[in-house]
Amino acid sequence: MIRNDTNLFNRLTQQLEQLSQKIACVTDNETEYLFDPHLFQPPTQIKGQLSILQHYLAQIKKNVAYLKQTIDNDQPEKVAYLTEKITNQIIAMHRELATQSLRKIPPVKVKETRYETHCRYLEYQRRLNSMKQELEYTLNTTTYSTQRQHIIQKIAALDVRLYRCQQAIAKLEKQLEKDNINFN
């Protein structure tokens, strides 16, 4: 092994050990994927008591072992690639560990009034209408039949969403009317 590669490998090993110690102190019950699939392979099934963070740590350890092999085999391109990937993985894990305390706080749900819900639904309707208008403009300027067909399908899907949105708005407006009658 070249001296620089050995130093690099030793630093990565130290970082990995620190990460292992931090993960050992964390109890995570995460079931969702935490990272981009290019950075870590998503867990398909976690065996036994292995937490999701330990699963990701195991991937880093596997990459470090592979890095040692590539250093021993004198493959500088692979060494550079693996070093960058491992570094990014370790940084991502440190960030995740730093935000673990935030994940444990359940979000506070504020009860939305019917008027606020009505405003939100109207905003959805406005955005859906805007999207539909953009697609209709694109449809009028497109000459390719396959693109036109695709745009027509998108417009049809938006029409369905708009219909559901309008139904929800109408239902909510009836409830608001009823509330006003009962209030007076």
N, C-alpha and C. Protein backbone atom coordinates (compact mmCIF):
# COMPACT_ATOMS: atom_id res chain seq x y z
N MET A 1 0.83 -1.19 0.00
CA MET A 1 0.00 0.00 0.00
C MET A 1 0.87 1.24 0.00
N ILE A 2 0.43 2.24 -0.70
CA ILE A 2 1.11 3.52 -0.71
C ILE A 2 0.83 4.21 0.62
N ARG A 3 1.79 5.01 1.09
CA ARG A 3 1.67 5.65 2.40
C ARG A 3 0.43 6.55 2.51
N ASN A 4 0.17 7.36 1.49
CA ASN A 4 -1.02 8.23 1.52
C ASN A 4 -2.30 7.41 1.61
N ASP A 5 -2.35 6.32 0.85
CA ASP A 5 -3.53 5.46 0.87
C ASP A 5 -3.70 4.82 2.24
N THR A 6 -2.59 4.45 2.87
CA THR A 6 -2.65 3.86 4.20
C THR A 6 -3.17 4.88 5.21
N ASN A 7 -2.69 6.11 5.12
CA ASN A 7 -3.17 7.17 6.02
C ASN A 7 -4.66 7.43 5.80
N LEU A 8 -5.06 7.46 4.55
CA LEU A 8 -6.45 7.66 4.22
C LEU A 8 -7.30 6.53 4.79
N PHE A 9 -6.85 5.32 4.58
CA PHE A 9 -7.59 4.17 5.08
C PHE A 9 -7.70 4.22 6.61
N ASN A 10 -6.61 4.59 7.28
CA ASN A 10 -6.64 4.68 8.75
C ASN A 10 -7.61 5.75 9.22
N ARG A 11 -7.63 6.91 8.55
CA ARG A 11 -8.57 7.98 8.93
C ARG A 11 -10.02 7.54 8.73
N LEU A 12 -10.28 6.85 7.61
CA LEU A 12 -11.63 6.36 7.37
C LEU A 12 -12.03 5.33 8.41
N THR A 13 -11.10 4.49 8.80
CA THR A 13 -11.38 3.49 9.83
C THR A 13 -11.70 4.16 11.16
N GLN A 14 -10.94 5.22 11.50
CA GLN A 14 -11.22 5.95 12.74
C GLN A 14 -12.61 6.59 12.68
N GLN A 15 -12.94 7.21 11.55
CA GLN A 15 -14.26 7.82 11.39
C GLN A 15 -15.36 6.77 11.53
N LEU A 16 -15.12 5.62 10.98
CA LEU A 16 -16.09 4.53 11.04
C LEU A 16 -16.29 4.06 12.47
N GLU A 17 -15.21 3.99 13.22
CA GLU A 17 -15.30 3.58 14.63
C GLU A 17 -16.10 4.61 15.44
N GLN A 18 -15.86 5.90 15.20
CA GLN A 18 -16.62 6.94 15.89
C GLN A 18 -18.10 6.84 15.54
N LEU A 19 -18.37 6.60 14.28
CA LEU A 19 -19.75 6.47 13.83
C LEU A 19 -20.42 5.26 14.48
N SER A 20 -19.69 4.16 14.58
CA SER A 20 -20.22 2.95 15.22
C SER A 20 -20.61 3.23 16.66
N GLN A 21 -19.77 3.97 17.37
CA GLN A 21 -20.04 4.29 18.77
C GLN A 21 -21.28 5.16 18.90
N LYS A 22 -21.42 6.13 18.01
CA LYS A 22 -22.59 7.00 18.06
C LYS A 22 -23.87 6.23 17.75
N ILE A 23 -23.80 5.34 16.77
CA ILE A 23 -24.99 4.58 16.38
C ILE A 23 -25.39 3.61 17.47
N ALA A 24 -24.41 3.09 18.20
CA ALA A 24 -24.71 2.16 19.29
C ALA A 24 -25.55 2.83 20.37
N CYS A 25 -25.43 4.13 20.51
CA CYS A 25 -26.17 4.88 21.54
C CYS A 25 -27.57 5.29 21.07
N VAL A 26 -27.85 5.14 19.79
CA VAL A 26 -29.12 5.59 19.24
C VAL A 26 -30.06 4.41 19.10
N THR A 27 -31.29 4.61 19.55
CA THR A 27 -32.32 3.61 19.29
C THR A 27 -33.24 4.19 18.24
N ASP A 28 -33.23 3.60 17.09
CA ASP A 28 -34.08 4.12 16.02
C ASP A 28 -35.10 3.07 15.64
N ASN A 29 -36.27 3.53 15.38
CA ASN A 29 -37.36 2.66 14.95
C ASN A 29 -37.81 3.05 13.55
N GLU A 30 -36.89 3.57 12.79
CA GLU A 30 -37.23 4.06 11.46
C GLU A 30 -37.59 2.89 10.55
N THR A 31 -38.59 3.11 9.75
CA THR A 31 -38.95 2.11 8.75
C THR A 31 -38.83 2.71 7.35
N GLU A 32 -38.58 3.99 7.29
CA GLU A 32 -38.48 4.65 5.99
C GLU A 32 -37.03 4.70 5.53
N TYR A 33 -36.88 4.88 4.23
CA TYR A 33 -35.55 5.03 3.68
C TYR A 33 -35.04 6.41 4.04
N LEU A 34 -33.82 6.49 4.47
CA LEU A 34 -33.28 7.75 4.93
C LEU A 34 -32.40 8.44 3.89
N PHE A 35 -31.85 7.67 2.97
CA PHE A 35 -30.85 8.22 2.07
C PHE A 35 -31.17 7.93 0.62
N ASP A 36 -30.52 8.67 -0.24
CA ASP A 36 -30.63 8.48 -1.67
C ASP A 36 -30.11 7.08 -2.02
N PRO A 37 -30.80 6.37 -2.91
CA PRO A 37 -30.35 5.02 -3.26
C PRO A 37 -28.97 4.96 -3.92
N HIS A 38 -28.48 6.08 -4.45
CA HIS A 38 -27.14 6.09 -5.01
C HIS A 38 -26.08 6.12 -3.92
N LEU A 39 -26.46 6.63 -2.75
CA LEU A 39 -25.54 6.71 -1.64
C LEU A 39 -25.52 5.41 -0.84
N PHE A 40 -26.71 4.91 -0.53
CA PHE A 40 -26.86 3.65 0.21
C PHE A 40 -27.92 2.81 -0.47
N GLN A 41 -27.73 1.50 -0.40
CA GLN A 41 -28.77 0.61 -0.90
C GLN A 41 -29.88 0.59 0.15
N PRO A 42 -31.14 0.79 -0.26
CA PRO A 42 -32.22 0.77 0.72
C PRO A 42 -32.37 -0.62 1.34
N PRO A 43 -32.71 -0.67 2.61
CA PRO A 43 -32.87 -1.98 3.25
C PRO A 43 -34.12 -2.68 2.71
N THR A 44 -33.94 -3.90 2.29
CA THR A 44 -35.10 -4.66 1.82
C THR A 44 -35.73 -5.39 2.99
N GLN A 45 -34.88 -5.87 3.87
CA GLN A 45 -35.38 -6.55 5.06
C GLN A 45 -34.26 -6.50 6.09
N ILE A 46 -34.57 -5.96 7.23
CA ILE A 46 -33.57 -5.87 8.28
C ILE A 46 -33.72 -7.07 9.18
N LYS A 47 -32.64 -7.81 9.36
CA LYS A 47 -32.68 -9.07 10.10
C LYS A 47 -32.44 -8.83 11.59
N GLY A 48 -33.23 -9.49 12.42
CA GLY A 48 -33.02 -9.48 13.87
C GLY A 48 -33.15 -8.10 14.47
N GLN A 49 -32.22 -7.76 15.34
CA GLN A 49 -32.25 -6.50 16.06
C GLN A 49 -31.47 -5.40 15.35
N LEU A 50 -31.08 -5.64 14.13
CA LEU A 50 -30.31 -4.66 13.37
C LEU A 50 -31.19 -3.46 13.04
N SER A 51 -30.78 -2.29 13.52
CA SER A 51 -31.55 -1.08 13.23
C SER A 51 -31.22 -0.61 11.82
N ILE A 52 -32.02 0.32 11.34
CA ILE A 52 -31.80 0.83 9.98
C ILE A 52 -30.45 1.55 9.89
N LEU A 53 -30.06 2.25 10.97
CA LEU A 53 -28.77 2.94 10.96
C LEU A 53 -27.63 1.92 10.95
N GLN A 54 -27.79 0.84 11.67
CA GLN A 54 -26.76 -0.21 11.66
C GLN A 54 -26.67 -0.86 10.29
N HIS A 55 -27.82 -0.96 9.61
CA HIS A 55 -27.82 -1.49 8.24
C HIS A 55 -26.96 -0.61 7.33
N TYR A 56 -27.14 0.71 7.45
CA TYR A 56 -26.36 1.62 6.63
C TYR A 56 -24.88 1.59 7.03
N LEU A 57 -24.63 1.47 8.32
CA LEU A 57 -23.25 1.38 8.80
C LEU A 57 -22.57 0.12 8.23
N ALA A 58 -23.30 -0.96 8.16
CA ALA A 58 -22.75 -2.20 7.60
C ALA A 58 -22.34 -2.00 6.14
N GLN A 59 -23.11 -1.20 5.41
CA GLN A 59 -22.75 -0.92 4.02
C GLN A 59 -21.45 -0.13 3.93
N ILE A 60 -21.28 0.82 4.86
CA ILE A 60 -20.04 1.60 4.87
C ILE A 60 -18.87 0.67 5.18
N LYS A 61 -19.03 -0.21 6.15
CA LYS A 61 -17.96 -1.14 6.51
C LYS A 61 -17.59 -2.04 5.32
N LYS A 62 -18.61 -2.45 4.60
CA LYS A 62 -18.37 -3.30 3.43
C LYS A 62 -17.57 -2.52 2.38
N ASN A 63 -17.91 -1.24 2.18
CA ASN A 63 -17.17 -0.41 1.23
C ASN A 63 -15.74 -0.16 1.68
N VAL A 64 -15.54 -0.01 2.99
CA VAL A 64 -14.19 0.20 3.51
C VAL A 64 -13.35 -1.06 3.28
N ALA A 65 -13.94 -2.23 3.48
CA ALA A 65 -13.21 -3.48 3.23
C ALA A 65 -12.84 -3.59 1.75
N TYR A 66 -13.77 -3.19 0.88
CA TYR A 66 -13.50 -3.22 -0.55
C TYR A 66 -12.42 -2.20 -0.91
N LEU A 67 -12.43 -1.06 -0.21
CA LEU A 67 -11.40 -0.04 -0.43
C LEU A 67 -10.02 -0.60 -0.11
N LYS A 68 -9.93 -1.34 0.99
CA LYS A 68 -8.64 -1.94 1.36
C LYS A 68 -8.14 -2.85 0.25
N GLN A 69 -9.05 -3.64 -0.33
CA GLN A 69 -8.67 -4.53 -1.43
C GLN A 69 -8.17 -3.73 -2.64
N THR A 70 -8.86 -2.66 -2.97
CA THR A 70 -8.46 -1.88 -4.14
C THR A 70 -7.13 -1.16 -3.90
N ILE A 71 -6.88 -0.78 -2.65
CA ILE A 71 -5.58 -0.17 -2.33
C ILE A 71 -4.49 -1.20 -2.49
N ASP A 72 -4.75 -2.41 -1.96
CA ASP A 72 -3.75 -3.49 -2.07
C ASP A 72 -3.51 -3.88 -3.53
N ASN A 73 -4.52 -3.81 -4.35
CA ASN A 73 -4.39 -4.18 -5.77
C ASN A 73 -3.93 -3.02 -6.64
N ASP A 74 -3.65 -1.90 -6.01
CA ASP A 74 -3.13 -0.71 -6.71
C ASP A 74 -4.05 -0.29 -7.87
N GLN A 75 -5.29 0.07 -7.52
CA GLN A 75 -6.28 0.54 -8.50
C GLN A 75 -6.70 1.97 -8.11
N PRO A 76 -5.90 2.97 -8.54
CA PRO A 76 -6.13 4.35 -8.08
C PRO A 76 -7.50 4.93 -8.44
N GLU A 77 -8.07 4.56 -9.59
CA GLU A 77 -9.38 5.09 -9.97
C GLU A 77 -10.45 4.60 -9.01
N LYS A 78 -10.41 3.31 -8.72
CA LYS A 78 -11.39 2.74 -7.79
C LYS A 78 -11.18 3.29 -6.38
N VAL A 79 -9.92 3.49 -6.01
CA VAL A 79 -9.62 4.04 -4.68
C VAL A 79 -10.24 5.43 -4.56
N ALA A 80 -10.07 6.26 -5.57
CA ALA A 80 -10.63 7.61 -5.54
C ALA A 80 -12.15 7.57 -5.47
N TYR A 81 -12.77 6.72 -6.27
CA TYR A 81 -14.23 6.61 -6.28
C TYR A 81 -14.75 6.14 -4.93
N LEU A 82 -14.16 5.05 -4.42
CA LEU A 82 -14.62 4.51 -3.14
C LEU A 82 -14.39 5.47 -1.99
N THR A 83 -13.27 6.17 -2.02
CA THR A 83 -12.97 7.14 -0.97
C THR A 83 -14.03 8.23 -0.94
N GLU A 84 -14.37 8.73 -2.11
CA GLU A 84 -15.39 9.77 -2.18
C GLU A 84 -16.74 9.25 -1.70
N LYS A 85 -17.10 8.04 -2.13
CA LYS A 85 -18.39 7.47 -1.73
C LYS A 85 -18.44 7.24 -0.23
N ILE A 86 -17.40 6.67 0.34
CA ILE A 86 -17.36 6.41 1.77
C ILE A 86 -17.41 7.72 2.55
N THR A 87 -16.69 8.71 2.09
CA THR A 87 -16.70 10.02 2.75
C THR A 87 -18.11 10.59 2.74
N ASN A 88 -18.78 10.53 1.60
CA ASN A 88 -20.15 11.03 1.50
C ASN A 88 -21.10 10.24 2.40
N GLN A 89 -20.90 8.93 2.49
CA GLN A 89 -21.74 8.10 3.34
C GLN A 89 -21.54 8.47 4.82
N ILE A 90 -20.30 8.66 5.21
CA ILE A 90 -20.01 9.01 6.61
C ILE A 90 -20.60 10.38 6.94
N ILE A 91 -20.45 11.33 6.05
CA ILE A 91 -21.02 12.66 6.27
C ILE A 91 -22.54 12.57 6.40
N ALA A 92 -23.16 11.80 5.52
CA ALA A 92 -24.62 11.64 5.57
C ALA A 92 -25.07 11.00 6.88
N MET A 93 -24.33 10.03 7.35
CA MET A 93 -24.67 9.38 8.62
C MET A 93 -24.51 10.35 9.79
N HIS A 94 -23.46 11.15 9.77
CA HIS A 94 -23.28 12.15 10.84
C HIS A 94 -24.44 13.15 10.83
N ARG A 95 -24.85 13.57 9.66
CA ARG A 95 -26.00 14.49 9.57
C ARG A 95 -27.26 13.83 10.11
N GLU A 96 -27.47 12.58 9.75
CA GLU A 96 -28.64 11.86 10.22
C GLU A 96 -28.63 11.72 11.74
N LEU A 97 -27.48 11.40 12.29
CA LEU A 97 -27.38 11.28 13.75
C LEU A 97 -27.63 12.62 14.43
N ALA A 98 -27.20 13.70 13.80
CA ALA A 98 -27.41 15.03 14.38
C ALA A 98 -28.90 15.41 14.38
N THR A 99 -29.68 14.85 13.46
CA THR A 99 -31.09 15.20 13.38
C THR A 99 -32.00 14.15 14.01
N GLN A 100 -31.44 13.12 14.63
CA GLN A 100 -32.25 12.09 15.24
C GLN A 100 -33.20 12.64 16.31
N SER A 101 -32.73 13.60 17.08
CA SER A 101 -33.58 14.15 18.13
C SER A 101 -34.81 14.85 17.54
N LEU A 102 -34.66 15.42 16.36
CA LEU A 102 -35.79 16.08 15.71
C LEU A 102 -36.83 15.07 15.23
N ARG A 103 -36.39 13.90 14.84
CA ARG A 103 -37.32 12.88 14.35
C ARG A 103 -38.22 12.35 15.46
N LYS A 104 -37.74 12.40 16.70
CA LYS A 104 -38.50 11.83 17.80
C LYS A 104 -39.62 12.74 18.28
N ILE A 105 -39.59 14.01 17.90
CA ILE A 105 -40.62 14.95 18.30
C ILE A 105 -41.79 14.81 17.33
N PRO A 106 -42.94 14.38 17.83
CA PRO A 106 -44.08 14.25 16.92
C PRO A 106 -44.55 15.63 16.47
N PRO A 107 -44.92 15.75 15.23
CA PRO A 107 -45.38 17.05 14.74
C PRO A 107 -46.69 17.45 15.42
N VAL A 108 -46.80 18.70 15.75
CA VAL A 108 -48.00 19.22 16.39
C VAL A 108 -49.02 19.51 15.30
N LYS A 109 -50.16 18.88 15.44
CA LYS A 109 -51.22 19.10 14.45
C LYS A 109 -52.16 20.17 14.98
N VAL A 110 -52.31 21.20 14.20
CA VAL A 110 -53.21 22.28 14.56
C VAL A 110 -54.51 22.04 13.81
N LYS A 111 -55.60 22.09 14.53
CA LYS A 111 -56.90 21.88 13.91
C LYS A 111 -57.20 23.05 12.99
N GLU A 112 -57.45 22.73 11.76
CA GLU A 112 -57.72 23.74 10.74
C GLU A 112 -59.22 24.05 10.74
N THR A 113 -59.56 25.32 10.68
CA THR A 113 -60.98 25.69 10.62
C THR A 113 -61.52 25.39 9.23
N ARG A 114 -62.83 25.37 9.13
CA ARG A 114 -63.44 25.10 7.83
C ARG A 114 -63.11 26.20 6.83
N TYR A 115 -63.00 27.45 7.32
CA TYR A 115 -62.65 28.55 6.41
C TYR A 115 -61.22 28.39 5.89
N GLU A 116 -60.31 27.95 6.75
CA GLU A 116 -58.93 27.72 6.30
C GLU A 116 -58.88 26.57 5.30
N THR A 117 -59.64 25.52 5.59
CA THR A 117 -59.72 24.39 4.66
C THR A 117 -60.28 24.85 3.32
N HIS A 118 -61.32 25.69 3.37
CA HIS A 118 -61.93 26.21 2.15
C HIS A 118 -60.90 26.99 1.33
N CYS A 119 -60.13 27.83 2.00
CA CYS A 119 -59.09 28.61 1.31
C CYS A 119 -58.04 27.68 0.69
N ARG A 120 -57.66 26.64 1.43
CA ARG A 120 -56.66 25.70 0.92
C ARG A 120 -57.20 24.97 -0.31
N TYR A 121 -58.47 24.55 -0.27
CA TYR A 121 -59.08 23.87 -1.42
C TYR A 121 -59.16 24.80 -2.63
N LEU A 122 -59.50 26.06 -2.38
CA LEU A 122 -59.56 27.02 -3.48
C LEU A 122 -58.18 27.22 -4.10
N GLU A 123 -57.14 27.21 -3.27
CA GLU A 123 -55.77 27.33 -3.79
C GLU A 123 -55.42 26.10 -4.63
N TYR A 124 -55.82 24.91 -4.18
CA TYR A 124 -55.61 23.70 -4.99
C TYR A 124 -56.29 23.85 -6.35
N GLN A 125 -57.53 24.32 -6.31
CA GLN A 125 -58.29 24.48 -7.55
C GLN A 125 -57.59 25.47 -8.48
N ARG A 126 -57.12 26.57 -7.93
CA ARG A 126 -56.42 27.57 -8.74
C ARG A 126 -55.18 26.97 -9.39
N ARG A 127 -54.40 26.20 -8.59
CA ARG A 127 -53.18 25.60 -9.14
C ARG A 127 -53.51 24.55 -10.20
N LEU A 128 -54.54 23.76 -9.97
CA LEU A 128 -54.93 22.76 -10.97
C LEU A 128 -55.38 23.44 -12.27
N ASN A 129 -56.15 24.51 -12.15
CA ASN A 129 -56.57 25.25 -13.35
C ASN A 129 -55.37 25.83 -14.09
N SER A 130 -54.40 26.33 -13.32
CA SER A 130 -53.19 26.88 -13.93
C SER A 130 -52.41 25.80 -14.68
N MET A 131 -52.28 24.63 -14.06
CA MET A 131 -51.57 23.53 -14.71
C MET A 131 -52.30 23.10 -15.99
N LYS A 132 -53.62 23.07 -15.91
CA LYS A 132 -54.41 22.67 -17.07
C LYS A 132 -54.23 23.67 -18.21
N GLN A 133 -54.24 24.97 -17.88
CA GLN A 133 -54.06 26.00 -18.91
C GLN A 133 -52.69 25.87 -19.58
N GLU A 134 -51.66 25.59 -18.79
CA GLU A 134 -50.32 25.42 -19.35
C GLU A 134 -50.28 24.23 -20.30
N LEU A 135 -50.91 23.13 -19.89
CA LEU A 135 -50.94 21.95 -20.75
C LEU A 135 -51.74 22.22 -22.03
N GLU A 136 -52.85 22.94 -21.91
CA GLU A 136 -53.64 23.25 -23.11
C GLU A 136 -52.85 24.14 -24.06
N TYR A 137 -52.09 25.08 -23.53
CA TYR A 137 -51.24 25.91 -24.38
C TYR A 137 -50.19 25.04 -25.08
N THR A 138 -49.57 24.14 -24.32
CA THR A 138 -48.56 23.24 -24.90
C THR A 138 -49.19 22.35 -25.97
N LEU A 139 -50.41 21.90 -25.70
CA LEU A 139 -51.12 21.06 -26.67
C LEU A 139 -51.34 21.81 -27.98
N ASN A 140 -51.69 23.07 -27.89
CA ASN A 140 -51.94 23.88 -29.09
C ASN A 140 -50.67 24.18 -29.88
N THR A 141 -49.52 24.13 -29.22
CA THR A 141 -48.27 24.45 -29.91
C THR A 141 -47.50 23.20 -30.35
N THR A 142 -47.93 22.03 -29.89
CA THR A 142 -47.23 20.78 -30.21
C THR A 142 -47.79 20.17 -31.49
N THR A 143 -46.88 19.69 -32.34
CA THR A 143 -47.31 19.09 -33.61
C THR A 143 -47.14 17.57 -33.63
N TYR A 144 -46.33 17.04 -32.71
CA TYR A 144 -46.08 15.59 -32.70
C TYR A 144 -47.26 14.87 -32.06
N SER A 145 -47.74 13.84 -32.74
CA SER A 145 -48.94 13.14 -32.27
C SER A 145 -48.70 12.41 -30.95
N THR A 146 -47.52 11.84 -30.75
CA THR A 146 -47.27 11.12 -29.49
C THR A 146 -47.24 12.08 -28.31
N GLN A 147 -46.64 13.25 -28.52
CA GLN A 147 -46.63 14.26 -27.44
C GLN A 147 -48.04 14.77 -27.19
N ARG A 148 -48.80 14.98 -28.24
CA ARG A 148 -50.18 15.47 -28.09
C ARG A 148 -51.01 14.47 -27.30
N GLN A 149 -50.83 13.20 -27.61
CA GLN A 149 -51.58 12.15 -26.93
C GLN A 149 -51.24 12.14 -25.44
N HIS A 150 -49.97 12.27 -25.14
CA HIS A 150 -49.51 12.29 -23.75
C HIS A 150 -50.09 13.51 -23.01
N ILE A 151 -50.10 14.64 -23.67
CA ILE A 151 -50.63 15.87 -23.06
C ILE A 151 -52.13 15.74 -22.83
N ILE A 152 -52.83 15.14 -23.78
CA ILE A 152 -54.28 14.95 -23.63
C ILE A 152 -54.57 14.06 -22.43
N GLN A 153 -53.74 13.03 -22.23
CA GLN A 153 -53.92 12.17 -21.06
C GLN A 153 -53.70 12.95 -19.77
N LYS A 154 -52.69 13.81 -19.75
CA LYS A 154 -52.43 14.63 -18.56
C LYS A 154 -53.59 15.58 -18.28
N ILE A 155 -54.14 16.17 -19.34
CA ILE A 155 -55.28 17.08 -19.17
C ILE A 155 -56.48 16.32 -18.61
N ALA A 156 -56.71 15.11 -19.11
CA ALA A 156 -57.83 14.30 -18.62
C ALA A 156 -57.64 13.99 -17.13
N ALA A 157 -56.42 13.66 -16.74
CA ALA A 157 -56.15 13.38 -15.32
C ALA A 157 -56.37 14.63 -14.48
N LEU A 158 -55.96 15.78 -15.00
CA LEU A 158 -56.19 17.03 -14.28
C LEU A 158 -57.69 17.34 -14.18
N ASP A 159 -58.46 17.02 -15.22
CA ASP A 159 -59.90 17.23 -15.17
C ASP A 159 -60.54 16.41 -14.05
N VAL A 160 -60.06 15.18 -13.88
CA VAL A 160 -60.58 14.33 -12.81
C VAL A 160 -60.23 14.94 -11.44
N ARG A 161 -59.00 15.39 -11.30
CA ARG A 161 -58.59 16.01 -10.04
C ARG A 161 -59.38 17.29 -9.78
N LEU A 162 -59.59 18.09 -10.83
CA LEU A 162 -60.39 19.31 -10.69
C LEU A 162 -61.82 18.99 -10.27
N TYR A 163 -62.40 17.96 -10.85
CA TYR A 163 -63.76 17.57 -10.50
C TYR A 163 -63.85 17.20 -9.03
N ARG A 164 -62.89 16.38 -8.56
CA ARG A 164 -62.89 15.99 -7.14
C ARG A 164 -62.70 17.20 -6.24
N CYS A 165 -61.83 18.10 -6.65
CA CYS A 165 -61.58 19.32 -5.88
C CYS A 165 -62.85 20.17 -5.81
N GLN A 166 -63.54 20.32 -6.93
CA GLN A 166 -64.77 21.11 -6.95
C GLN A 166 -65.85 20.47 -6.10
N GLN A 167 -65.92 19.13 -6.09
CA GLN A 167 -66.88 18.43 -5.25
C GLN A 167 -66.58 18.68 -3.77
N ALA A 168 -65.31 18.64 -3.42
CA ALA A 168 -64.93 18.88 -2.03
C ALA A 168 -65.24 20.32 -1.62
N ILE A 169 -65.00 21.26 -2.53
CA ILE A 169 -65.30 22.67 -2.26
C ILE A 169 -66.81 22.85 -2.06
N ALA A 170 -67.61 22.24 -2.93
CA ALA A 170 -69.07 22.36 -2.82
C ALA A 170 -69.55 21.78 -1.49
N LYS A 171 -69.03 20.64 -1.10
CA LYS A 171 -69.41 20.01 0.17
C LYS A 171 -69.04 20.90 1.34
N LEU A 172 -67.86 21.47 1.29
CA LEU A 172 -67.39 22.34 2.36
C LEU A 172 -68.22 23.62 2.42
N GLU A 173 -68.58 24.15 1.26
CA GLU A 173 -69.41 25.36 1.24
C GLU A 173 -70.79 25.11 1.83
N LYS A 174 -71.34 23.91 1.61
CA LYS A 174 -72.63 23.55 2.23
C LYS A 174 -72.48 23.50 3.75
N GLN A 175 -71.37 22.94 4.22
CA GLN A 175 -71.14 22.88 5.67
C GLN A 175 -70.99 24.28 6.25
N LEU A 176 -70.27 25.15 5.52
CA LEU A 176 -70.10 26.53 5.98
C LEU A 176 -71.45 27.26 6.02
N GLU A 177 -72.29 27.03 5.01
CA GLU A 177 -73.62 27.62 4.99
C GLU A 177 -74.43 27.16 6.19
N LYS A 178 -74.38 25.87 6.47
CA LYS A 178 -75.11 25.29 7.59
C LYS A 178 -74.60 25.91 8.90
N ASP A 179 -73.28 26.07 9.01
CA ASP A 179 -72.70 26.70 10.21
C ASP A 179 -73.21 28.11 10.38
N ASN A 180 -73.28 28.86 9.27
CA ASN A 180 -73.77 30.25 9.33
C ASN A 180 -75.24 30.30 9.74
N ILE A 181 -76.05 29.39 9.24
CA ILE A 181 -77.48 29.35 9.60
C ILE A 181 -77.64 29.04 11.08
N ASN A 182 -76.86 28.04 11.56
CA ASN A 182 -76.94 27.67 12.96
C ASN A 182 -76.40 28.77 13.87
N PHE A 183 -75.45 29.54 13.37
CA PHE A 183 -74.86 30.61 14.16
C PHE A 183 -75.83 31.77 14.33
N ASN A 184 -76.63 32.06 13.25
CA ASN A 184 -77.58 33.18 13.31
C ASN A 184 -78.80 32.73 14.01
